[in-house]
Amino acid sequence: MLQRPEILDALENRPLSSISILRLRDPRVSAFYTYDEQSITLNSGRKLGVHFGEEFQAGSSRNMSWATTDKAESMRRAMLHELAHHFEGFSGAAPLMEAGFANPDRRPITRYAGSEWREYFAESLVAHFVDPGALAKYDPSGSMMVMKVLSAIRK
């Protein structure tokens, strides 16, 4: 997923400083993005039933990294989610994300996506790469938002 041209082009324009994979002390944290450092940290200590373990159900799954039964896939999804937070810093991207969340036709793909504009974009981005058909069908406005942002950050 990270080798997709739209991601590589964006990271060439604004690279991450680091990506760390380690066992975090707090087992409730699956991953996080540090805005000041422009870095991503992934928790390698994922457990079935804590960080992942359910079938994906559009609109009702907890979050996209939880909605898989595979540990490695959960980590890939968490990486994409945190990468979406990095994309917030690209010129013109945040207003597109905020507008997407403000759209009255939006239907958040997961429960977490409904919490605020940053998570709406992050969860939608993961869905765009993991199950684009489900995102386009369940939340067409979220799908369009992701495509607009990906186009904007490649420039």
N, C-alpha and C. Protein backbone atom coordinates (compact mmCIF):
# COMPACT_ATOMS: atom_id res chain seq x y z
N MET A 1 0.81 -1.21 0.00
CA MET A 1 0.00 0.00 0.00
C MET A 1 0.85 1.26 0.00
N LEU A 2 1.94 1.25 0.74
CA LEU A 2 2.77 2.44 0.83
C LEU A 2 3.55 2.71 -0.45
N GLN A 3 3.58 1.74 -1.35
CA GLN A 3 4.29 1.92 -2.60
C GLN A 3 3.40 2.47 -3.71
N ARG A 4 2.20 2.84 -3.36
CA ARG A 4 1.30 3.44 -4.35
C ARG A 4 1.87 4.78 -4.81
N PRO A 5 1.78 5.09 -6.10
CA PRO A 5 2.37 6.35 -6.61
C PRO A 5 1.87 7.60 -5.89
N GLU A 6 0.59 7.64 -5.53
CA GLU A 6 0.07 8.84 -4.87
C GLU A 6 0.69 9.05 -3.50
N ILE A 7 1.05 7.96 -2.83
CA ILE A 7 1.71 8.06 -1.52
C ILE A 7 3.19 8.40 -1.71
N LEU A 8 3.85 7.72 -2.62
CA LEU A 8 5.27 7.98 -2.86
C LEU A 8 5.51 9.41 -3.32
N ASP A 9 4.67 9.90 -4.22
CA ASP A 9 4.82 11.29 -4.70
C ASP A 9 4.67 12.27 -3.55
N ALA A 10 3.68 12.04 -2.70
CA ALA A 10 3.47 12.94 -1.57
C ALA A 10 4.65 12.91 -0.62
N LEU A 11 5.17 11.72 -0.31
CA LEU A 11 6.28 11.60 0.62
C LEU A 11 7.59 12.14 0.03
N GLU A 12 7.67 12.16 -1.28
CA GLU A 12 8.84 12.78 -1.90
C GLU A 12 8.80 14.29 -1.67
N ASN A 13 7.61 14.86 -1.71
CA ASN A 13 7.44 16.30 -1.50
C ASN A 13 7.58 16.70 -0.03
N ARG A 14 7.14 15.83 0.88
CA ARG A 14 7.19 16.13 2.31
C ARG A 14 7.45 14.82 3.05
N PRO A 15 8.71 14.46 3.19
CA PRO A 15 9.04 13.16 3.80
C PRO A 15 8.73 13.10 5.30
N LEU A 16 8.52 11.90 5.77
CA LEU A 16 8.45 11.65 7.21
C LEU A 16 9.88 11.67 7.74
N SER A 17 10.04 12.06 9.00
CA SER A 17 11.39 12.01 9.59
C SER A 17 11.73 10.59 10.02
N SER A 18 10.70 9.84 10.48
CA SER A 18 10.97 8.46 10.90
C SER A 18 9.68 7.66 11.01
N ILE A 19 9.85 6.36 10.93
CA ILE A 19 8.79 5.39 11.20
C ILE A 19 9.39 4.39 12.19
N SER A 20 8.78 4.26 13.35
CA SER A 20 9.28 3.34 14.38
C SER A 20 8.25 2.25 14.64
N ILE A 21 8.72 1.04 14.75
CA ILE A 21 7.87 -0.09 15.11
C ILE A 21 8.44 -0.67 16.39
N LEU A 22 7.68 -0.56 17.47
CA LEU A 22 8.16 -1.05 18.75
C LEU A 22 7.00 -1.40 19.66
N ARG A 23 7.30 -2.12 20.70
CA ARG A 23 6.29 -2.49 21.67
C ARG A 23 6.10 -1.31 22.61
N LEU A 24 4.91 -0.74 22.59
CA LEU A 24 4.61 0.41 23.45
C LEU A 24 4.20 -0.05 24.84
N ARG A 25 4.52 0.75 25.83
CA ARG A 25 4.16 0.41 27.21
C ARG A 25 2.66 0.40 27.43
N ASP A 26 1.97 1.34 26.77
CA ASP A 26 0.51 1.41 26.92
C ASP A 26 -0.13 0.49 25.88
N PRO A 27 -0.68 -0.63 26.30
CA PRO A 27 -1.24 -1.59 25.33
C PRO A 27 -2.48 -1.08 24.61
N ARG A 28 -3.06 0.01 25.08
CA ARG A 28 -4.27 0.55 24.44
C ARG A 28 -3.94 1.36 23.19
N VAL A 29 -2.69 1.76 23.03
CA VAL A 29 -2.27 2.59 21.91
C VAL A 29 -1.78 1.69 20.78
N SER A 30 -2.40 1.82 19.61
CA SER A 30 -1.97 0.99 18.48
C SER A 30 -0.93 1.70 17.62
N ALA A 31 -0.99 3.03 17.56
CA ALA A 31 -0.04 3.81 16.77
C ALA A 31 -0.30 5.29 17.05
N PHE A 32 0.67 6.13 16.68
CA PHE A 32 0.45 7.57 16.79
C PHE A 32 1.38 8.33 15.85
N TYR A 33 0.94 9.54 15.49
CA TYR A 33 1.71 10.45 14.66
C TYR A 33 2.16 11.61 15.54
N THR A 34 3.42 11.97 15.47
CA THR A 34 3.94 13.11 16.22
C THR A 34 4.10 14.27 15.24
N TYR A 35 3.23 15.27 15.40
CA TYR A 35 3.18 16.39 14.46
C TYR A 35 4.48 17.18 14.41
N ASP A 36 5.06 17.50 15.56
CA ASP A 36 6.28 18.30 15.59
C ASP A 36 7.45 17.59 14.91
N GLU A 37 7.54 16.30 15.08
CA GLU A 37 8.65 15.53 14.52
C GLU A 37 8.34 14.96 13.14
N GLN A 38 7.08 14.98 12.75
CA GLN A 38 6.62 14.36 11.50
C GLN A 38 7.06 12.90 11.46
N SER A 39 6.71 12.18 12.53
CA SER A 39 7.10 10.78 12.64
C SER A 39 5.90 9.91 13.02
N ILE A 40 6.01 8.64 12.68
CA ILE A 40 4.97 7.66 12.98
C ILE A 40 5.57 6.58 13.87
N THR A 41 4.81 6.21 14.91
CA THR A 41 5.20 5.10 15.77
C THR A 41 4.07 4.07 15.76
N LEU A 42 4.43 2.83 15.48
CA LEU A 42 3.47 1.72 15.46
C LEU A 42 3.75 0.79 16.62
N ASN A 43 2.71 0.31 17.27
CA ASN A 43 2.84 -0.64 18.37
C ASN A 43 2.91 -2.05 17.80
N SER A 44 4.04 -2.72 17.99
CA SER A 44 4.19 -4.10 17.50
C SER A 44 3.52 -5.11 18.43
N GLY A 45 3.14 -4.66 19.62
CA GLY A 45 2.52 -5.55 20.60
C GLY A 45 1.02 -5.65 20.44
N ARG A 46 0.56 -5.88 19.24
CA ARG A 46 -0.88 -5.98 18.96
C ARG A 46 -1.43 -7.32 19.41
N LYS A 47 -2.64 -7.26 19.96
CA LYS A 47 -3.27 -8.50 20.42
C LYS A 47 -4.66 -8.64 19.82
N LEU A 48 -4.96 -9.86 19.43
CA LEU A 48 -6.29 -10.19 18.92
C LEU A 48 -7.32 -9.87 19.99
N GLY A 49 -8.34 -9.14 19.60
CA GLY A 49 -9.39 -8.75 20.54
C GLY A 49 -9.12 -7.43 21.24
N VAL A 50 -7.89 -6.91 21.10
CA VAL A 50 -7.55 -5.62 21.68
C VAL A 50 -7.31 -4.59 20.57
N HIS A 51 -6.45 -4.95 19.60
CA HIS A 51 -6.10 -4.03 18.51
C HIS A 51 -6.70 -4.42 17.17
N PHE A 52 -7.12 -5.65 17.05
CA PHE A 52 -7.72 -6.13 15.80
C PHE A 52 -8.58 -7.34 16.12
N GLY A 53 -9.41 -7.74 15.15
CA GLY A 53 -10.15 -8.97 15.40
C GLY A 53 -11.59 -9.03 14.96
N GLU A 54 -12.05 -8.08 14.18
CA GLU A 54 -13.45 -8.18 13.73
C GLU A 54 -13.53 -8.07 12.22
N GLU A 55 -14.62 -8.53 11.68
CA GLU A 55 -14.91 -8.38 10.26
C GLU A 55 -15.30 -6.92 10.01
N PHE A 56 -14.88 -6.39 8.87
CA PHE A 56 -15.22 -5.01 8.52
C PHE A 56 -16.71 -4.88 8.22
N GLN A 57 -17.35 -3.90 8.85
CA GLN A 57 -18.75 -3.56 8.58
C GLN A 57 -18.84 -2.05 8.45
N ALA A 58 -19.06 -1.59 7.23
CA ALA A 58 -19.10 -0.15 6.96
C ALA A 58 -20.07 0.55 7.91
N GLY A 59 -19.58 1.59 8.54
CA GLY A 59 -20.40 2.41 9.42
C GLY A 59 -20.47 1.92 10.86
N SER A 60 -20.15 0.67 11.13
CA SER A 60 -20.28 0.18 12.50
C SER A 60 -19.00 -0.39 13.10
N SER A 61 -17.98 -0.66 12.27
CA SER A 61 -16.71 -1.13 12.81
C SER A 61 -16.08 -0.04 13.66
N ARG A 62 -15.35 -0.44 14.68
CA ARG A 62 -14.68 0.51 15.59
C ARG A 62 -13.74 1.42 14.80
N ASN A 63 -12.79 0.83 14.09
CA ASN A 63 -11.88 1.57 13.22
C ASN A 63 -11.31 0.59 12.19
N MET A 64 -10.62 1.12 11.19
CA MET A 64 -10.16 0.27 10.10
C MET A 64 -9.06 -0.70 10.52
N SER A 65 -8.19 -0.33 11.45
CA SER A 65 -7.15 -1.28 11.85
C SER A 65 -7.69 -2.37 12.77
N TRP A 66 -8.81 -2.13 13.41
CA TRP A 66 -9.48 -3.13 14.23
C TRP A 66 -10.24 -4.11 13.33
N ALA A 67 -10.68 -3.64 12.18
CA ALA A 67 -11.57 -4.42 11.31
C ALA A 67 -10.80 -5.37 10.40
N THR A 68 -9.97 -6.20 11.00
CA THR A 68 -9.27 -7.27 10.29
C THR A 68 -8.93 -8.34 11.32
N THR A 69 -8.73 -9.55 10.86
CA THR A 69 -8.36 -10.62 11.77
C THR A 69 -6.87 -10.96 11.65
N ASP A 70 -6.12 -10.13 10.92
CA ASP A 70 -4.70 -10.38 10.67
C ASP A 70 -3.85 -9.29 11.31
N LYS A 71 -2.89 -9.68 12.14
CA LYS A 71 -2.04 -8.73 12.87
C LYS A 71 -1.24 -7.83 11.93
N ALA A 72 -0.60 -8.40 10.93
CA ALA A 72 0.21 -7.61 9.99
C ALA A 72 -0.67 -6.62 9.23
N GLU A 73 -1.84 -7.06 8.82
CA GLU A 73 -2.76 -6.15 8.11
C GLU A 73 -3.21 -5.03 9.03
N SER A 74 -3.43 -5.32 10.29
CA SER A 74 -3.80 -4.29 11.25
C SER A 74 -2.70 -3.24 11.36
N MET A 75 -1.45 -3.68 11.37
CA MET A 75 -0.33 -2.73 11.43
C MET A 75 -0.23 -1.90 10.16
N ARG A 76 -0.45 -2.52 9.00
CA ARG A 76 -0.43 -1.76 7.74
C ARG A 76 -1.52 -0.70 7.74
N ARG A 77 -2.68 -1.06 8.23
CA ARG A 77 -3.79 -0.10 8.27
C ARG A 77 -3.50 1.03 9.26
N ALA A 78 -2.89 0.70 10.39
CA ALA A 78 -2.53 1.74 11.36
C ALA A 78 -1.49 2.69 10.75
N MET A 79 -0.56 2.15 9.99
CA MET A 79 0.45 2.97 9.32
C MET A 79 -0.21 3.95 8.34
N LEU A 80 -1.14 3.45 7.55
CA LEU A 80 -1.87 4.32 6.62
C LEU A 80 -2.65 5.40 7.37
N HIS A 81 -3.29 5.01 8.46
CA HIS A 81 -4.07 5.95 9.26
C HIS A 81 -3.17 7.09 9.76
N GLU A 82 -2.00 6.74 10.31
CA GLU A 82 -1.11 7.77 10.82
C GLU A 82 -0.49 8.59 9.69
N LEU A 83 -0.26 7.97 8.55
CA LEU A 83 0.23 8.70 7.39
C LEU A 83 -0.79 9.76 6.96
N ALA A 84 -2.06 9.46 7.11
CA ALA A 84 -3.11 10.45 6.80
C ALA A 84 -2.94 11.70 7.65
N HIS A 85 -2.53 11.53 8.90
CA HIS A 85 -2.30 12.71 9.76
C HIS A 85 -1.10 13.52 9.25
N HIS A 86 -0.11 12.86 8.69
CA HIS A 86 1.02 13.56 8.08
C HIS A 86 0.53 14.40 6.89
N PHE A 87 -0.42 13.88 6.14
CA PHE A 87 -0.94 14.57 4.97
C PHE A 87 -1.66 15.87 5.34
N GLU A 88 -2.11 15.99 6.59
CA GLU A 88 -2.77 17.23 7.03
C GLU A 88 -1.86 18.44 6.85
N GLY A 89 -0.55 18.24 6.91
CA GLY A 89 0.40 19.33 6.83
C GLY A 89 0.72 19.81 5.43
N PHE A 90 0.18 19.16 4.42
CA PHE A 90 0.41 19.59 3.04
C PHE A 90 -0.45 20.81 2.73
N SER A 91 0.09 21.71 1.97
CA SER A 91 -0.62 22.93 1.60
C SER A 91 -1.95 22.60 0.92
N GLY A 92 -3.02 23.14 1.46
CA GLY A 92 -4.35 22.96 0.87
C GLY A 92 -5.08 21.69 1.27
N ALA A 93 -4.41 20.76 1.97
CA ALA A 93 -5.04 19.48 2.29
C ALA A 93 -6.05 19.60 3.43
N ALA A 94 -5.69 20.27 4.51
CA ALA A 94 -6.58 20.35 5.67
C ALA A 94 -7.94 20.97 5.34
N PRO A 95 -8.00 22.06 4.55
CA PRO A 95 -9.32 22.60 4.21
C PRO A 95 -10.20 21.60 3.43
N LEU A 96 -9.58 20.78 2.59
CA LEU A 96 -10.35 19.75 1.87
C LEU A 96 -10.89 18.70 2.83
N MET A 97 -10.07 18.34 3.82
CA MET A 97 -10.49 17.37 4.83
C MET A 97 -11.61 17.94 5.69
N GLU A 98 -11.46 19.18 6.12
CA GLU A 98 -12.49 19.82 6.95
C GLU A 98 -13.80 19.95 6.19
N ALA A 99 -13.72 20.31 4.91
CA ALA A 99 -14.92 20.42 4.07
C ALA A 99 -15.59 19.06 3.92
N GLY A 100 -14.80 18.01 3.77
CA GLY A 100 -15.36 16.67 3.67
C GLY A 100 -16.13 16.29 4.92
N PHE A 101 -15.57 16.61 6.08
CA PHE A 101 -16.24 16.29 7.35
C PHE A 101 -17.50 17.14 7.53
N ALA A 102 -17.47 18.37 7.02
CA ALA A 102 -18.63 19.27 7.16
C ALA A 102 -19.75 18.93 6.18
N ASN A 103 -19.48 18.10 5.19
CA ASN A 103 -20.48 17.74 4.19
C ASN A 103 -21.64 17.01 4.86
N PRO A 104 -22.86 17.53 4.71
CA PRO A 104 -24.01 16.88 5.37
C PRO A 104 -24.32 15.49 4.82
N ASP A 105 -23.77 15.15 3.66
CA ASP A 105 -24.01 13.83 3.08
C ASP A 105 -22.99 12.79 3.52
N ARG A 106 -22.03 13.18 4.35
CA ARG A 106 -21.00 12.23 4.78
C ARG A 106 -21.60 11.10 5.60
N ARG A 107 -21.03 9.92 5.45
CA ARG A 107 -21.41 8.75 6.23
C ARG A 107 -20.12 8.09 6.67
N PRO A 108 -19.62 8.41 7.85
CA PRO A 108 -18.33 7.88 8.29
C PRO A 108 -18.24 6.36 8.15
N ILE A 109 -17.13 5.93 7.57
CA ILE A 109 -16.93 4.51 7.26
C ILE A 109 -16.76 3.66 8.52
N THR A 110 -16.30 4.28 9.63
CA THR A 110 -16.17 3.60 10.93
C THR A 110 -16.70 4.53 12.02
N ARG A 111 -16.86 3.98 13.20
CA ARG A 111 -17.31 4.83 14.32
C ARG A 111 -16.26 5.90 14.63
N TYR A 112 -14.99 5.54 14.57
CA TYR A 112 -13.93 6.50 14.85
C TYR A 112 -13.91 7.63 13.82
N ALA A 113 -14.24 7.32 12.59
CA ALA A 113 -14.27 8.33 11.54
C ALA A 113 -15.29 9.43 11.82
N GLY A 114 -16.29 9.14 12.62
CA GLY A 114 -17.31 10.13 12.94
C GLY A 114 -16.92 11.08 14.05
N SER A 115 -15.74 10.90 14.65
CA SER A 115 -15.37 11.70 15.82
C SER A 115 -14.94 13.13 15.49
N GLU A 116 -14.22 13.33 14.42
CA GLU A 116 -13.78 14.68 14.01
C GLU A 116 -13.11 14.61 12.64
N TRP A 117 -12.82 15.79 12.04
CA TRP A 117 -12.37 15.81 10.64
C TRP A 117 -11.07 15.07 10.40
N ARG A 118 -10.12 15.13 11.33
CA ARG A 118 -8.85 14.43 11.13
C ARG A 118 -9.05 12.91 11.05
N GLU A 119 -9.87 12.40 11.93
CA GLU A 119 -10.12 10.95 11.95
C GLU A 119 -11.02 10.54 10.79
N TYR A 120 -11.92 11.42 10.39
CA TYR A 120 -12.76 11.14 9.23
C TYR A 120 -11.88 10.92 7.99
N PHE A 121 -10.91 11.83 7.79
CA PHE A 121 -10.02 11.66 6.65
C PHE A 121 -9.15 10.42 6.81
N ALA A 122 -8.56 10.24 7.98
CA ALA A 122 -7.64 9.12 8.19
C ALA A 122 -8.32 7.77 7.95
N GLU A 123 -9.49 7.59 8.52
CA GLU A 123 -10.21 6.32 8.34
C GLU A 123 -10.67 6.15 6.89
N SER A 124 -11.07 7.25 6.26
CA SER A 124 -11.49 7.19 4.86
C SER A 124 -10.31 6.85 3.96
N LEU A 125 -9.12 7.39 4.27
CA LEU A 125 -7.94 7.07 3.48
C LEU A 125 -7.62 5.58 3.57
N VAL A 126 -7.67 5.03 4.76
CA VAL A 126 -7.40 3.59 4.92
C VAL A 126 -8.42 2.79 4.10
N ALA A 127 -9.68 3.13 4.22
CA ALA A 127 -10.72 2.42 3.46
C ALA A 127 -10.50 2.56 1.96
N HIS A 128 -10.05 3.72 1.53
CA HIS A 128 -9.78 3.97 0.10
C HIS A 128 -8.76 2.98 -0.45
N PHE A 129 -7.75 2.65 0.36
CA PHE A 129 -6.72 1.72 -0.10
C PHE A 129 -7.05 0.27 0.20
N VAL A 130 -7.80 0.01 1.26
CA VAL A 130 -8.11 -1.36 1.67
C VAL A 130 -9.33 -1.91 0.95
N ASP A 131 -10.38 -1.11 0.87
CA ASP A 131 -11.64 -1.55 0.26
C ASP A 131 -12.31 -0.36 -0.41
N PRO A 132 -11.74 0.11 -1.53
CA PRO A 132 -12.27 1.32 -2.17
C PRO A 132 -13.72 1.20 -2.60
N GLY A 133 -14.14 0.02 -2.97
CA GLY A 133 -15.53 -0.17 -3.38
C GLY A 133 -16.49 0.06 -2.22
N ALA A 134 -16.12 -0.43 -1.05
CA ALA A 134 -16.97 -0.24 0.14
C ALA A 134 -17.06 1.23 0.50
N LEU A 135 -15.93 1.95 0.43
CA LEU A 135 -15.96 3.37 0.74
C LEU A 135 -16.81 4.13 -0.27
N ALA A 136 -16.61 3.86 -1.55
CA ALA A 136 -17.37 4.56 -2.59
C ALA A 136 -18.87 4.30 -2.48
N LYS A 137 -19.23 3.08 -2.11
CA LYS A 137 -20.65 2.74 -1.98
C LYS A 137 -21.26 3.31 -0.71
N TYR A 138 -20.56 3.15 0.42
CA TYR A 138 -21.12 3.57 1.71
C TYR A 138 -21.01 5.07 1.93
N ASP A 139 -19.89 5.66 1.55
CA ASP A 139 -19.66 7.09 1.78
C ASP A 139 -19.04 7.73 0.54
N PRO A 140 -19.86 7.96 -0.50
CA PRO A 140 -19.32 8.56 -1.72
C PRO A 140 -18.64 9.90 -1.49
N SER A 141 -19.14 10.70 -0.55
CA SER A 141 -18.51 12.00 -0.30
C SER A 141 -17.14 11.81 0.35
N GLY A 142 -16.99 10.82 1.21
CA GLY A 142 -15.69 10.52 1.80
C GLY A 142 -14.71 10.03 0.76
N SER A 143 -15.19 9.22 -0.17
CA SER A 143 -14.35 8.73 -1.25
C SER A 143 -13.86 9.88 -2.11
N MET A 144 -14.75 10.81 -2.44
CA MET A 144 -14.37 11.98 -3.24
C MET A 144 -13.38 12.85 -2.48
N MET A 145 -13.59 13.02 -1.17
CA MET A 145 -12.67 13.82 -0.36
C MET A 145 -11.26 13.24 -0.43
N VAL A 146 -11.13 11.93 -0.27
CA VAL A 146 -9.82 11.28 -0.32
C VAL A 146 -9.17 11.52 -1.68
N MET A 147 -9.91 11.36 -2.75
CA MET A 147 -9.34 11.55 -4.08
C MET A 147 -8.89 13.00 -4.29
N LYS A 148 -9.67 13.95 -3.78
CA LYS A 148 -9.28 15.36 -3.90
C LYS A 148 -8.00 15.64 -3.11
N VAL A 149 -7.93 15.12 -1.89
CA VAL A 149 -6.73 15.35 -1.08
C VAL A 149 -5.51 14.69 -1.73
N LEU A 150 -5.63 13.45 -2.17
CA LEU A 150 -4.50 12.76 -2.80
C LEU A 150 -4.03 13.51 -4.04
N SER A 151 -4.95 14.07 -4.79
CA SER A 151 -4.57 14.87 -5.96
C SER A 151 -3.84 16.15 -5.52
N ALA A 152 -4.34 16.80 -4.49
CA ALA A 152 -3.75 18.06 -4.02
C ALA A 152 -2.34 17.87 -3.47
N ILE A 153 -2.10 16.77 -2.76
CA ILE A 153 -0.79 16.60 -2.13
C ILE A 153 0.27 16.07 -3.09
N ARG A 154 -0.11 15.67 -4.26
CA ARG A 154 0.86 15.19 -5.25
C ARG A 154 1.49 16.34 -6.03
N LYS A 155 0.92 17.52 -5.90
CA LYS A 155 1.41 18.68 -6.69
C LYS A 155 2.66 19.27 -6.12
